[in-house]
Amino acid sequence: MCPGNEESAGKRRRRRITPGNPWLKPTLAQAAWAASHTKNSYLASQYRRLAGHRGRKRALIAVGHSILVIFYHMLKTGTSYTDLGGDFFDRLQPERLTRYYVKRLERLGHKVTLESRAAA
């Protein structure tokens, strides 16, 4: 479930996933599919974020890889899983998200003025 890492002169050569356990890959893909349909979870927001510009199948493989990494760290450290939340990516860069939505509204023909919540 790891992405191919063939790189030469700064260019990635191969986009296929590495061959691994033939039983693990379909199981993780099915778990990723189920996780992508949950509401307000980190894995679902990761799937939606990646599926928009990479495609559904590649997004499923990426979410499956994330699940595998989560399992590894849970087994290694002995901790339980705590979900980061569906708005994790929005909380990372709120200014970027604000600029994106302002541009989107302006493209639709709206005039947008922003006020901070403290001033309002």
PDB file of N, CA and C in Angstrom:
ATOM      1  N   MET A   1       0.819  -1.210   0.000  1.00  0.00           N
ATOM      2  CA  MET A   1       0.000   0.000   0.000  1.00  0.00           C
ATOM      3  C   MET A   1       0.853   1.261   0.000  1.00  0.00           C
ATOM      4  N   CYS A   2       2.124   1.134  -0.271  1.00  0.00           N
ATOM      5  CA  CYS A   2       2.981   2.316  -0.326  1.00  0.00           C
ATOM      6  C   CYS A   2       3.055   2.826  -1.758  1.00  0.00           C
ATOM      7  N   PRO A   3       3.087   4.137  -1.944  1.00  0.00           N
ATOM      8  CA  PRO A   3       3.218   4.667  -3.302  1.00  0.00           C
ATOM      9  C   PRO A   3       4.616   4.380  -3.843  1.00  0.00           C
ATOM     10  N   GLY A   4       4.726   4.263  -5.150  1.00  0.00           N
ATOM     11  CA  GLY A   4       6.023   4.017  -5.759  1.00  0.00           C
ATOM     12  C   GLY A   4       6.935   5.217  -5.593  1.00  0.00           C
ATOM     13  N   ASN A   5       8.200   4.970  -5.310  1.00  0.00           N
ATOM     14  CA  ASN A   5       9.142   6.054  -5.071  1.00  0.00           C
ATOM     15  C   ASN A   5      10.268   6.075  -6.088  1.00  0.00           C
ATOM     16  N   GLU A   6       9.993   5.729  -7.320  1.00  0.00           N
ATOM     17  CA  GLU A   6      11.023   5.804  -8.342  1.00  0.00           C
ATOM     18  C   GLU A   6      11.187   7.252  -8.755  1.00  0.00           C
ATOM     19  N   GLU A   7      12.364   7.796  -8.487  1.00  0.00           N
ATOM     20  CA  GLU A   7      12.610   9.194  -8.802  1.00  0.00           C
ATOM     21  C   GLU A   7      13.993   9.295  -9.419  1.00  0.00           C
ATOM     22  N   SER A   8      14.069  10.084 -10.464  1.00  0.00           N
ATOM     23  CA  SER A   8      15.347  10.290 -11.118  1.00  0.00           C
ATOM     24  C   SER A   8      15.408  11.735 -11.582  1.00  0.00           C
ATOM     25  N   ALA A   9      16.444  12.428 -11.215  1.00  0.00           N
ATOM     26  CA  ALA A   9      16.657  13.836 -11.579  1.00  0.00           C
ATOM     27  C   ALA A   9      15.492  14.704 -11.117  1.00  0.00           C
ATOM     28  N   GLY A  10      14.936  14.369  -9.965  1.00  0.00           N
ATOM     29  CA  GLY A  10      13.851  15.182  -9.417  1.00  0.00           C
ATOM     30  C   GLY A  10      12.496  14.896 -10.023  1.00  0.00           C
ATOM     31  N   LYS A  11      12.413  13.924 -10.923  1.00  0.00           N
ATOM     32  CA  LYS A  11      11.140  13.589 -11.557  1.00  0.00           C
ATOM     33  C   LYS A  11      10.672  12.233 -11.062  1.00  0.00           C
ATOM     34  N   ARG A  12       9.391  12.154 -10.730  1.00  0.00           N
ATOM     35  CA  ARG A  12       8.827  10.869 -10.317  1.00  0.00           C
ATOM     36  C   ARG A  12       8.491  10.066 -11.557  1.00  0.00           C
ATOM     37  N   ARG A  13       8.965   8.851 -11.595  1.00  0.00           N
ATOM     38  CA  ARG A  13       8.818   8.021 -12.783  1.00  0.00           C
ATOM     39  C   ARG A  13       7.575   7.145 -12.760  1.00  0.00           C
ATOM     40  N   ARG A  14       7.208   6.661 -11.598  1.00  0.00           N
ATOM     41  CA  ARG A  14       6.172   5.650 -11.540  1.00  0.00           C
ATOM     42  C   ARG A  14       5.096   6.075 -10.560  1.00  0.00           C
ATOM     43  N   ARG A  15       3.851   5.845 -10.889  1.00  0.00           N
ATOM     44  CA  ARG A  15       2.740   6.239 -10.040  1.00  0.00           C
ATOM     45  C   ARG A  15       2.007   5.042  -9.447  1.00  0.00           C
ATOM     46  N   ARG A  16       2.474   3.847  -9.700  1.00  0.00           N
ATOM     47  CA  ARG A  16       1.776   2.660  -9.203  1.00  0.00           C
ATOM     48  C   ARG A  16       2.139   2.393  -7.755  1.00  0.00           C
ATOM     49  N   ILE A  17       1.238   1.705  -7.071  1.00  0.00           N
ATOM     50  CA  ILE A  17       1.551   1.303  -5.704  1.00  0.00           C
ATOM     51  C   ILE A  17       2.384   0.028  -5.749  1.00  0.00           C
ATOM     52  N   THR A  18       3.168  -0.175  -4.722  1.00  0.00           N
ATOM     53  CA  THR A  18       4.042  -1.332  -4.707  1.00  0.00           C
ATOM     54  C   THR A  18       3.235  -2.600  -4.451  1.00  0.00           C
ATOM     55  N   PRO A  19       3.637  -3.712  -5.061  1.00  0.00           N
ATOM     56  CA  PRO A  19       2.921  -4.956  -4.789  1.00  0.00           C
ATOM     57  C   PRO A  19       3.211  -5.397  -3.358  1.00  0.00           C
ATOM     58  N   GLY A  20       2.175  -5.778  -2.676  1.00  0.00           N
ATOM     59  CA  GLY A  20       2.336  -6.179  -1.281  1.00  0.00           C
ATOM     60  C   GLY A  20       1.478  -7.387  -0.986  1.00  0.00           C
ATOM     61  N   ASN A  21       0.992  -7.474   0.206  1.00  0.00           N
ATOM     62  CA  ASN A  21       0.149  -8.568   0.636  1.00  0.00           C
ATOM     63  C   ASN A  21      -1.153  -8.554  -0.164  1.00  0.00           C
ATOM     64  N   PRO A  22      -1.475  -9.634  -0.887  1.00  0.00           N
ATOM     65  CA  PRO A  22      -2.667  -9.630  -1.734  1.00  0.00           C
ATOM     66  C   PRO A  22      -3.979  -9.617  -0.956  1.00  0.00           C
ATOM     67  N   TRP A  23      -3.949  -9.950   0.326  1.00  0.00           N
ATOM     68  CA  TRP A  23      -5.167  -9.911   1.137  1.00  0.00           C
ATOM     69  C   TRP A  23      -5.315  -8.573   1.851  1.00  0.00           C
ATOM     70  N   LEU A  24      -4.206  -7.927   2.109  1.00  0.00           N
ATOM     71  CA  LEU A  24      -4.242  -6.669   2.845  1.00  0.00           C
ATOM     72  C   LEU A  24      -4.754  -5.510   1.993  1.00  0.00           C
ATOM     73  N   LYS A  25      -4.361  -5.483   0.725  1.00  0.00           N
ATOM     74  CA  LYS A  25      -4.720  -4.356  -0.136  1.00  0.00           C
ATOM     75  C   LYS A  25      -6.236  -4.228  -0.335  1.00  0.00           C
ATOM     76  N   PRO A  26      -6.967  -5.299  -0.675  1.00  0.00           N
ATOM     77  CA  PRO A  26      -8.423  -5.154  -0.812  1.00  0.00           C
ATOM     78  C   PRO A  26      -9.115  -4.844   0.509  1.00  0.00           C
ATOM     79  N   THR A  27      -8.575  -5.379   1.591  1.00  0.00           N
ATOM     80  CA  THR A  27      -9.170  -5.114   2.901  1.00  0.00           C
ATOM     81  C   THR A  27      -9.015  -3.643   3.271  1.00  0.00           C
ATOM     82  N   LEU A  28      -7.833  -3.095   3.046  1.00  0.00           N
ATOM     83  CA  LEU A  28      -7.614  -1.679   3.337  1.00  0.00           C
ATOM     84  C   LEU A  28      -8.409  -0.786   2.392  1.00  0.00           C
ATOM     85  N   ALA A  29      -8.561  -1.198   1.142  1.00  0.00           N
ATOM     86  CA  ALA A  29      -9.364  -0.411   0.204  1.00  0.00           C
ATOM     87  C   ALA A  29     -10.827  -0.384   0.643  1.00  0.00           C
ATOM     88  N   GLN A  30     -11.321  -1.517   1.128  1.00  0.00           N
ATOM     89  CA  GLN A  30     -12.705  -1.569   1.597  1.00  0.00           C
ATOM     90  C   GLN A  30     -12.867  -0.737   2.877  1.00  0.00           C
ATOM     91  N   ALA A  31     -11.878  -0.788   3.761  1.00  0.00           N
ATOM     92  CA  ALA A  31     -11.929   0.032   4.974  1.00  0.00           C
ATOM     93  C   ALA A  31     -11.856   1.513   4.627  1.00  0.00           C
ATOM     94  N   ALA A  32     -11.066   1.851   3.622  1.00  0.00           N
ATOM     95  CA  ALA A  32     -10.972   3.251   3.185  1.00  0.00           C
ATOM     96  C   ALA A  32     -12.290   3.709   2.578  1.00  0.00           C
ATOM     97  N   TRP A  33     -12.954   2.830   1.843  1.00  0.00           N
ATOM     98  CA  TRP A  33     -14.246   3.172   1.261  1.00  0.00           C
ATOM     99  C   TRP A  33     -15.274   3.450   2.365  1.00  0.00           C
ATOM    100  N   ALA A  34     -15.267   2.613   3.394  1.00  0.00           N
ATOM    101  CA  ALA A  34     -16.192   2.822   4.511  1.00  0.00           C
ATOM    102  C   ALA A  34     -15.834   4.098   5.271  1.00  0.00           C
ATOM    103  N   ALA A  35     -14.541   4.348   5.457  1.00  0.00           N
ATOM    104  CA  ALA A  35     -14.116   5.552   6.180  1.00  0.00           C
ATOM    105  C   ALA A  35     -14.432   6.811   5.392  1.00  0.00           C
ATOM    106  N   SER A  36     -14.425   6.714   4.072  1.00  0.00           N
ATOM    107  CA  SER A  36     -14.706   7.899   3.257  1.00  0.00           C
ATOM    108  C   SER A  36     -16.179   8.287   3.306  1.00  0.00           C
ATOM    109  N   HIS A  37     -17.028   7.378   3.757  1.00  0.00           N
ATOM    110  CA  HIS A  37     -18.462   7.665   3.827  1.00  0.00           C
ATOM    111  C   HIS A  37     -18.932   8.019   5.233  1.00  0.00           C
ATOM    112  N   THR A  38     -18.011   8.164   6.172  1.00  0.00           N
ATOM    113  CA  THR A  38     -18.397   8.595   7.505  1.00  0.00           C
ATOM    114  C   THR A  38     -18.538  10.110   7.525  1.00  0.00           C
ATOM    115  N   LYS A  39     -19.285  10.603   8.497  1.00  0.00           N
ATOM    116  CA  LYS A  39     -19.504  12.042   8.584  1.00  0.00           C
ATOM    117  C   LYS A  39     -18.552  12.659   9.594  1.00  0.00           C
ATOM    118  N   ASN A  40     -18.024  13.803   9.254  1.00  0.00           N
ATOM    119  CA  ASN A  40     -17.206  14.622  10.143  1.00  0.00           C
ATOM    120  C   ASN A  40     -16.023  13.845  10.718  1.00  0.00           C
ATOM    121  N   SER A  41     -15.259  13.182   9.845  1.00  0.00           N
ATOM    122  CA  SER A  41     -14.059  12.486  10.287  1.00  0.00           C
ATOM    123  C   SER A  41     -12.875  12.926   9.426  1.00  0.00           C
ATOM    124  N   TYR A  42     -11.689  12.739   9.965  1.00  0.00           N
ATOM    125  CA  TYR A  42     -10.467  13.137   9.271  1.00  0.00           C
ATOM    126  C   TYR A  42     -10.300  12.358   7.968  1.00  0.00           C
ATOM    127  N   LEU A  43     -10.524  11.047   8.017  1.00  0.00           N
ATOM    128  CA  LEU A  43     -10.308  10.229   6.822  1.00  0.00           C
ATOM    129  C   LEU A  43     -11.302  10.572   5.718  1.00  0.00           C
ATOM    130  N   ALA A  44     -12.542  10.913   6.078  1.00  0.00           N
ATOM    131  CA  ALA A  44     -13.530  11.303   5.070  1.00  0.00           C
ATOM    132  C   ALA A  44     -13.143  12.633   4.428  1.00  0.00           C
ATOM    133  N   SER A  45     -12.651  13.569   5.230  1.00  0.00           N
ATOM    134  CA  SER A  45     -12.253  14.858   4.654  1.00  0.00           C
ATOM    135  C   SER A  45     -10.990  14.694   3.810  1.00  0.00           C
ATOM    136  N   GLN A  46     -10.094  13.781   4.209  1.00  0.00           N
ATOM    137  CA  GLN A  46      -8.914  13.515   3.392  1.00  0.00           C
ATOM    138  C   GLN A  46      -9.324  12.913   2.052  1.00  0.00           C
ATOM    139  N   TYR A  47     -10.285  11.995   2.062  1.00  0.00           N
ATOM    140  CA  TYR A  47     -10.761  11.388   0.816  1.00  0.00           C
ATOM    141  C   TYR A  47     -11.363  12.449  -0.104  1.00  0.00           C
ATOM    142  N   ARG A  48     -12.254  13.294   0.432  1.00  0.00           N
ATOM    143  CA  ARG A  48     -12.883  14.324  -0.396  1.00  0.00           C
ATOM    144  C   ARG A  48     -11.854  15.301  -0.955  1.00  0.00           C
ATOM    145  N   ARG A  49     -10.872  15.616  -0.146  1.00  0.00           N
ATOM    146  CA  ARG A  49      -9.837  16.563  -0.572  1.00  0.00           C
ATOM    147  C   ARG A  49      -9.010  15.984  -1.723  1.00  0.00           C
ATOM    148  N   LEU A  50      -8.661  14.702  -1.636  1.00  0.00           N
ATOM    149  CA  LEU A  50      -7.831  14.082  -2.660  1.00  0.00           C
ATOM    150  C   LEU A  50      -8.625  13.663  -3.888  1.00  0.00           C
ATOM    151  N   ALA A  51      -9.874  13.251  -3.698  1.00  0.00           N
ATOM    152  CA  ALA A  51     -10.668  12.752  -4.826  1.00  0.00           C
ATOM    153  C   ALA A  51     -10.970  13.856  -5.826  1.00  0.00           C
ATOM    154  N   GLY A  52     -10.976  15.089  -5.382  1.00  0.00           N
ATOM    155  CA  GLY A  52     -11.277  16.189  -6.281  1.00  0.00           C
ATOM    156  C   GLY A  52     -10.240  16.399  -7.361  1.00  0.00           C
ATOM    157  N   HIS A  53      -8.964  16.213  -7.032  1.00  0.00           N
ATOM    158  CA  HIS A  53      -7.943  16.483  -8.044  1.00  0.00           C
ATOM    159  C   HIS A  53      -7.100  15.269  -8.414  1.00  0.00           C
ATOM    160  N   ARG A  54      -7.257  14.148  -7.720  1.00  0.00           N
ATOM    161  CA  ARG A  54      -6.519  12.944  -8.089  1.00  0.00           C
ATOM    162  C   ARG A  54      -7.403  11.840  -8.631  1.00  0.00           C
ATOM    163  N   GLY A  55      -8.643  11.848  -8.251  1.00  0.00           N
ATOM    164  CA  GLY A  55      -9.549  10.782  -8.662  1.00  0.00           C
ATOM    165  C   GLY A  55      -9.922   9.916  -7.471  1.00  0.00           C
ATOM    166  N   ARG A  56     -11.035   9.232  -7.616  1.00  0.00           N
ATOM    167  CA  ARG A  56     -11.579   8.450  -6.501  1.00  0.00           C
ATOM    168  C   ARG A  56     -10.703   7.269  -6.110  1.00  0.00           C
ATOM    169  N   LYS A  57     -10.212   6.534  -7.104  1.00  0.00           N
ATOM    170  CA  LYS A  57      -9.449   5.332  -6.795  1.00  0.00           C
ATOM    171  C   LYS A  57      -8.111   5.658  -6.147  1.00  0.00           C
ATOM    172  N   ARG A  58      -7.445   6.683  -6.625  1.00  0.00           N
ATOM    173  CA  ARG A  58      -6.175   7.071  -6.008  1.00  0.00           C
ATOM    174  C   ARG A  58      -6.399   7.616  -4.604  1.00  0.00           C
ATOM    175  N   ALA A  59      -7.513   8.308  -4.425  1.00  0.00           N
ATOM    176  CA  ALA A  59      -7.836   8.814  -3.091  1.00  0.00           C
ATOM    177  C   ALA A  59      -8.105   7.651  -2.134  1.00  0.00           C
ATOM    178  N   LEU A  60      -8.765   6.603  -2.619  1.00  0.00           N
ATOM    179  CA  LEU A  60      -9.014   5.431  -1.773  1.00  0.00           C
ATOM    180  C   LEU A  60      -7.712   4.761  -1.352  1.00  0.00           C
ATOM    181  N   ILE A  61      -6.778   4.655  -2.267  1.00  0.00           N
ATOM    182  CA  ILE A  61      -5.495   4.047  -1.935  1.00  0.00           C
ATOM    183  C   ILE A  61      -4.749   4.912  -0.924  1.00  0.00           C
ATOM    184  N   ALA A  62      -4.821   6.231  -1.075  1.00  0.00           N
ATOM    185  CA  ALA A  62      -4.151   7.132  -0.137  1.00  0.00           C
ATOM    186  C   ALA A  62      -4.773   7.042   1.258  1.00  0.00           C
ATOM    187  N   VAL A  63      -6.095   6.942   1.330  1.00  0.00           N
ATOM    188  CA  VAL A  63      -6.756   6.802   2.627  1.00  0.00           C
ATOM    189  C   VAL A  63      -6.435   5.438   3.233  1.00  0.00           C
ATOM    190  N   GLY A  64      -6.378   4.405   2.407  1.00  0.00           N
ATOM    191  CA  GLY A  64      -5.989   3.080   2.894  1.00  0.00           C
ATOM    192  C   GLY A  64      -4.573   3.090   3.454  1.00  0.00           C
ATOM    193  N   HIS A  65      -3.679   3.808   2.797  1.00  0.00           N
ATOM    194  CA  HIS A  65      -2.317   3.940   3.300  1.00  0.00           C
ATOM    195  C   HIS A  65      -2.301   4.683   4.634  1.00  0.00           C
ATOM    196  N   SER A  66      -3.139   5.712   4.755  1.00  0.00           N
ATOM    197  CA  SER A  66      -3.232   6.441   6.021  1.00  0.00           C
ATOM    198  C   SER A  66      -3.742   5.545   7.141  1.00  0.00           C
ATOM    199  N   ILE A  67      -4.707   4.689   6.826  1.00  0.00           N
ATOM    200  CA  ILE A  67      -5.226   3.749   7.824  1.00  0.00           C
ATOM    201  C   ILE A  67      -4.120   2.799   8.273  1.00  0.00           C
ATOM    202  N   LEU A  68      -3.319   2.334   7.316  1.00  0.00           N
ATOM    203  CA  LEU A  68      -2.213   1.439   7.643  1.00  0.00           C
ATOM    204  C   LEU A  68      -1.189   2.132   8.540  1.00  0.00           C
ATOM    205  N   VAL A  69      -0.875   3.382   8.259  1.00  0.00           N
ATOM    206  CA  VAL A  69       0.064   4.147   9.085  1.00  0.00           C
ATOM    207  C   VAL A  69      -0.515   4.363  10.488  1.00  0.00           C
ATOM    208  N   ILE A  70      -1.820   4.641  10.553  1.00  0.00           N
ATOM    209  CA  ILE A  70      -2.473   4.819  11.857  1.00  0.00           C
ATOM    210  C   ILE A  70      -2.383   3.533  12.675  1.00  0.00           C
ATOM    211  N   PHE A  71      -2.664   2.379  12.048  1.00  0.00           N
ATOM    212  CA  PHE A  71      -2.565   1.099  12.744  1.00  0.00           C
ATOM    213  C   PHE A  71      -1.144   0.850  13.249  1.00  0.00           C
ATOM    214  N   TYR A  72      -0.175   1.161  12.399  1.00  0.00           N
ATOM    215  CA  TYR A  72       1.217   0.950  12.777  1.00  0.00           C
ATOM    216  C   TYR A  72       1.568   1.748  14.034  1.00  0.00           C
ATOM    217  N   HIS A  73       1.204   3.021  14.038  1.00  0.00           N
ATOM    218  CA  HIS A  73       1.542   3.854  15.191  1.00  0.00           C
ATOM    219  C   HIS A  73       0.754   3.453  16.439  1.00  0.00           C
ATOM    220  N   MET A  74      -0.469   2.985  16.252  1.00  0.00           N
ATOM    221  CA  MET A  74      -1.239   2.506  17.399  1.00  0.00           C
ATOM    222  C   MET A  74      -0.580   1.274  18.018  1.00  0.00           C
ATOM    223  N   LEU A  75      -0.113   0.359  17.173  1.00  0.00           N
ATOM    224  CA  LEU A  75       0.547  -0.846  17.688  1.00  0.00           C
ATOM    225  C   LEU A  75       1.917  -0.531  18.284  1.00  0.00           C
ATOM    226  N   LYS A  76       2.627   0.399  17.673  1.00  0.00           N
ATOM    227  CA  LYS A  76       3.971   0.724  18.135  1.00  0.00           C
ATOM    228  C   LYS A  76       3.953   1.428  19.483  1.00  0.00           C
ATOM    229  N   THR A  77       3.049   2.410  19.639  1.00  0.00           N
ATOM    230  CA  THR A  77       3.039   3.198  20.870  1.00  0.00           C
ATOM    231  C   THR A  77       2.035   2.698  21.893  1.00  0.00           C
ATOM    232  N   GLY A  78       1.089   1.871  21.484  1.00  0.00           N
ATOM    233  CA  GLY A  78       0.091   1.350  22.408  1.00  0.00           C
ATOM    234  C   GLY A  78      -0.986   2.358  22.776  1.00  0.00           C
ATOM    235  N   THR A  79      -1.181   3.350  21.944  1.00  0.00           N
ATOM    236  CA  THR A  79      -2.200   4.362  22.209  1.00  0.00           C
ATOM    237  C   THR A  79      -3.468   4.043  21.434  1.00  0.00           C
ATOM    238  N   SER A  80      -4.540   4.721  21.790  1.00  0.00           N
ATOM    239  CA  SER A  80      -5.794   4.551  21.059  1.00  0.00           C
ATOM    240  C   SER A  80      -5.915   5.658  20.016  1.00  0.00           C
ATOM    241  N   TYR A  81      -6.777   5.426  19.054  1.00  0.00           N
ATOM    242  CA  TYR A  81      -6.949   6.367  17.951  1.00  0.00           C
ATOM    243  C   TYR A  81      -7.846   7.519  18.369  1.00  0.00           C
ATOM    244  N   THR A  82      -7.399   8.728  18.125  1.00  0.00           N
ATOM    245  CA  THR A  82      -8.232   9.909  18.324  1.00  0.00           C
ATOM    246  C   THR A  82      -8.343  10.617  16.981  1.00  0.00           C
ATOM    247  N   ASP A  83      -9.560  10.790  16.532  1.00  0.00           N
ATOM    248  CA  ASP A  83      -9.805  11.401  15.234  1.00  0.00           C
ATOM    249  C   ASP A  83      -9.499  12.888  15.282  1.00  0.00           C
ATOM    250  N   LEU A  84      -8.889  13.404  14.228  1.00  0.00           N
ATOM    251  CA  LEU A  84      -8.531  14.820  14.167  1.00  0.00           C
ATOM    252  C   LEU A  84      -9.719  15.703  13.834  1.00  0.00           C
ATOM    253  N   GLY A  85     -10.777  15.124  13.330  1.00  0.00           N
ATOM    254  CA  GLY A  85     -11.985  15.883  13.014  1.00  0.00           C
ATOM    255  C   GLY A  85     -12.091  16.202  11.534  1.00  0.00           C
ATOM    256  N   GLY A  86     -13.317  16.412  11.107  1.00  0.00           N
ATOM    257  CA  GLY A  86     -13.575  16.697   9.705  1.00  0.00           C
ATOM    258  C   GLY A  86     -13.098  18.059   9.261  1.00  0.00           C
ATOM    259  N   ASP A  87     -12.906  18.979  10.192  1.00  0.00           N
ATOM    260  CA  ASP A  87     -12.456  20.321   9.833  1.00  0.00           C
ATOM    261  C   ASP A  87     -10.962  20.510  10.057  1.00  0.00           C
ATOM    262  N   PHE A  88     -10.201  19.429  10.113  1.00  0.00           N
ATOM    263  CA  PHE A  88      -8.762  19.522  10.383  1.00  0.00           C
ATOM    264  C   PHE A  88      -8.049  20.332   9.315  1.00  0.00           C
ATOM    265  N   PHE A  89      -8.348  20.073   8.047  1.00  0.00           N
ATOM    266  CA  PHE A  89      -7.666  20.779   6.963  1.00  0.00           C
ATOM    267  C   PHE A  89      -8.086  22.241   6.907  1.00  0.00           C
ATOM    268  N   ASP A  90      -9.304  22.552   7.338  1.00  0.00           N
ATOM    269  CA  ASP A  90      -9.747  23.945   7.394  1.00  0.00           C
ATOM    270  C   ASP A  90      -9.027  24.706   8.498  1.00  0.00           C
ATOM    271  N   ARG A  91      -8.730  24.028   9.594  1.00  0.00           N
ATOM    272  CA  ARG A  91      -8.037  24.672  10.712  1.00  0.00           C
ATOM    273  C   ARG A  91      -6.553  24.863  10.446  1.00  0.00           C
ATOM    274  N   LEU A  92      -5.987  24.138   9.482  1.00  0.00           N
ATOM    275  CA  LEU A  92      -4.562  24.272   9.199  1.00  0.00           C
ATOM    276  C   LEU A  92      -4.217  25.654   8.657  1.00  0.00           C
ATOM    277  N   GLN A  93      -4.955  26.100   7.671  1.00  0.00           N
ATOM    278  CA  GLN A  93      -4.686  27.389   7.030  1.00  0.00           C
ATOM    279  C   GLN A  93      -5.994  28.137   6.821  1.00  0.00           C
ATOM    280  N   PRO A  94      -6.510  28.810   7.865  1.00  0.00           N
ATOM    281  CA  PRO A  94      -7.800  29.485   7.728  1.00  0.00           C
ATOM    282  C   PRO A  94      -7.756  30.682   6.765  1.00  0.00           C
ATOM    283  N   GLU A  95      -6.627  31.380   6.682  1.00  0.00           N
ATOM    284  CA  GLU A  95      -6.536  32.521   5.754  1.00  0.00           C
ATOM    285  C   GLU A  95      -6.644  32.065   4.307  1.00  0.00           C
ATOM    286  N   ARG A  96      -6.023  30.941   4.009  1.00  0.00           N
ATOM    287  CA  ARG A  96      -6.076  30.401   2.653  1.00  0.00           C
ATOM    288  C   ARG A  96      -7.509  30.027   2.279  1.00  0.00           C
ATOM    289  N   LEU A  97      -8.219  29.426   3.215  1.00  0.00           N
ATOM    290  CA  LEU A  97      -9.608  29.049   2.975  1.00  0.00           C
ATOM    291  C   LEU A  97     -10.484  30.282   2.772  1.00  0.00           C
ATOM    292  N   THR A  98     -10.214  31.328   3.544  1.00  0.00           N
ATOM    293  CA  THR A  98     -10.966  32.576   3.399  1.00  0.00           C
ATOM    294  C   THR A  98     -10.747  33.182   2.021  1.00  0.00           C
ATOM    295  N   ARG A  99      -9.489  33.234   1.577  1.00  0.00           N
ATOM    296  CA  ARG A  99      -9.194  33.778   0.241  1.00  0.00           C
ATOM    297  C   ARG A  99      -9.890  32.968  -0.842  1.00  0.00           C
ATOM    298  N   TYR A 100      -9.906  31.639  -0.677  1.00  0.00           N
ATOM    299  CA  TYR A 100     -10.533  30.772  -1.670  1.00  0.00           C
ATOM    300  C   TYR A 100     -12.024  31.072  -1.800  1.00  0.00           C
ATOM    301  N   TYR A 101     -12.717  31.200  -0.666  1.00  0.00           N
ATOM    302  CA  TYR A 101     -14.157  31.441  -0.719  1.00  0.00           C
ATOM    303  C   TYR A 101     -14.482  32.855  -1.191  1.00  0.00           C
ATOM    304  N   VAL A 102     -13.641  33.827  -0.878  1.00  0.00           N
ATOM    305  CA  VAL A 102     -13.864  35.193  -1.376  1.00  0.00           C
ATOM    306  C   VAL A 102     -13.726  35.206  -2.896  1.00  0.00           C
ATOM    307  N   LYS A 103     -12.680  34.575  -3.420  1.00  0.00           N
ATOM    308  CA  LYS A 103     -12.502  34.519  -4.876  1.00  0.00           C
ATOM    309  C   LYS A 103     -13.665  33.793  -5.542  1.00  0.00           C
ATOM    310  N   ARG A 104     -14.139  32.747  -4.920  1.00  0.00           N
ATOM    311  CA  ARG A 104     -15.232  31.974  -5.500  1.00  0.00           C
ATOM    312  C   ARG A 104     -16.519  32.801  -5.554  1.00  0.00           C
ATOM    313  N   LEU A 105     -16.801  33.543  -4.489  1.00  0.00           N
ATOM    314  CA  LEU A 105     -17.983  34.405  -4.492  1.00  0.00           C
ATOM    315  C   LEU A 105     -17.849  35.535  -5.500  1.00  0.00           C
ATOM    316  N   GLU A 106     -16.634  36.088  -5.646  1.00  0.00           N
ATOM    317  CA  GLU A 106     -16.437  37.154  -6.631  1.00  0.00           C
ATOM    318  C   GLU A 106     -16.604  36.638  -8.051  1.00  0.00           C
ATOM    319  N   ARG A 107     -16.197  35.412  -8.308  1.00  0.00           N
ATOM    320  CA  ARG A 107     -16.411  34.826  -9.635  1.00  0.00           C
ATOM    321  C   ARG A 107     -17.886  34.627  -9.937  1.00  0.00           C
ATOM    322  N   LEU A 108     -18.681  34.460  -8.889  1.00  0.00           N
ATOM    323  CA  LEU A 108     -20.126  34.305  -9.077  1.00  0.00           C
ATOM    324  C   LEU A 108     -20.837  35.652  -9.201  1.00  0.00           C
ATOM    325  N   GLY A 109     -20.076  36.757  -9.079  1.00  0.00           N
ATOM    326  CA  GLY A 109     -20.656  38.076  -9.283  1.00  0.00           C
ATOM    327  C   GLY A 109     -21.039  38.808  -8.020  1.00  0.00           C
ATOM    328  N   HIS A 110     -20.557  38.402  -6.870  1.00  0.00           N
ATOM    329  CA  HIS A 110     -20.878  39.057  -5.616  1.00  0.00           C
ATOM    330  C   HIS A 110     -19.737  39.981  -5.206  1.00  0.00           C
ATOM    331  N   LYS A 111     -20.087  41.059  -4.532  1.00  0.00           N
ATOM    332  CA  LYS A 111     -19.081  41.949  -3.970  1.00  0.00           C
ATOM    333  C   LYS A 111     -18.897  41.558  -2.503  1.00  0.00           C
ATOM    334  N   VAL A 112     -17.667  41.266  -2.127  1.00  0.00           N
ATOM    335  CA  VAL A 112     -17.414  40.725  -0.794  1.00  0.00           C
ATOM    336  C   VAL A 112     -16.561  41.706  -0.003  1.00  0.00           C
ATOM    337  N   THR A 113     -17.034  42.051   1.196  1.00  0.00           N
ATOM    338  CA  THR A 113     -16.240  42.809   2.156  1.00  0.00           C
ATOM    339  C   THR A 113     -16.174  41.990   3.438  1.00  0.00           C
ATOM    340  N   LEU A 114     -14.992  41.891   3.990  1.00  0.00           N
ATOM    341  CA  LEU A 114     -14.794  41.064   5.168  1.00  0.00           C
ATOM    342  C   LEU A 114     -14.637  41.939   6.415  1.00  0.00           C
ATOM    343  N   GLU A 115     -15.256  41.498   7.485  1.00  0.00           N
ATOM    344  CA  GLU A 115     -15.092  42.124   8.797  1.00  0.00           C
ATOM    345  C   GLU A 115     -14.694  41.030   9.772  1.00  0.00           C
ATOM    346  N   SER A 116     -13.809  41.370  10.697  1.00  0.00           N
ATOM    347  CA  SER A 116     -13.441  40.373  11.685  1.00  0.00           C
ATOM    348  C   SER A 116     -14.591  40.231  12.673  1.00  0.00           C
ATOM    349  N   ARG A 117     -14.648  39.092  13.304  1.00  0.00           N
ATOM    350  CA  ARG A 117     -15.750  38.810  14.224  1.00  0.00           C
ATOM    351  C   ARG A 117     -15.718  39.733  15.444  1.00  0.00           C
ATOM    352  N   ALA A 118     -14.538  40.136  15.897  1.00  0.00           N
ATOM    353  CA  ALA A 118     -14.412  41.011  17.046  1.00  0.00           C
ATOM    354  C   ALA A 118     -15.001  42.394  16.748  1.00  0.00           C
ATOM    355  N   ALA A 119     -14.854  42.873  15.502  1.00  0.00           N
ATOM    356  CA  ALA A 119     -15.390  44.179  15.120  1.00  0.00           C
ATOM    357  C   ALA A 119     -16.887  44.134  14.894  1.00  0.00           C
ATOM    358  N   ALA A 120     -17.414  42.971  14.545  1.00  0.00           N
ATOM    359  CA  ALA A 120     -18.837  42.858  14.229  1.00  0.00           C
ATOM    360  C   ALA A 120     -19.684  42.756  15.425  1.00  0.00           C
TER     361      ALA A 120
END
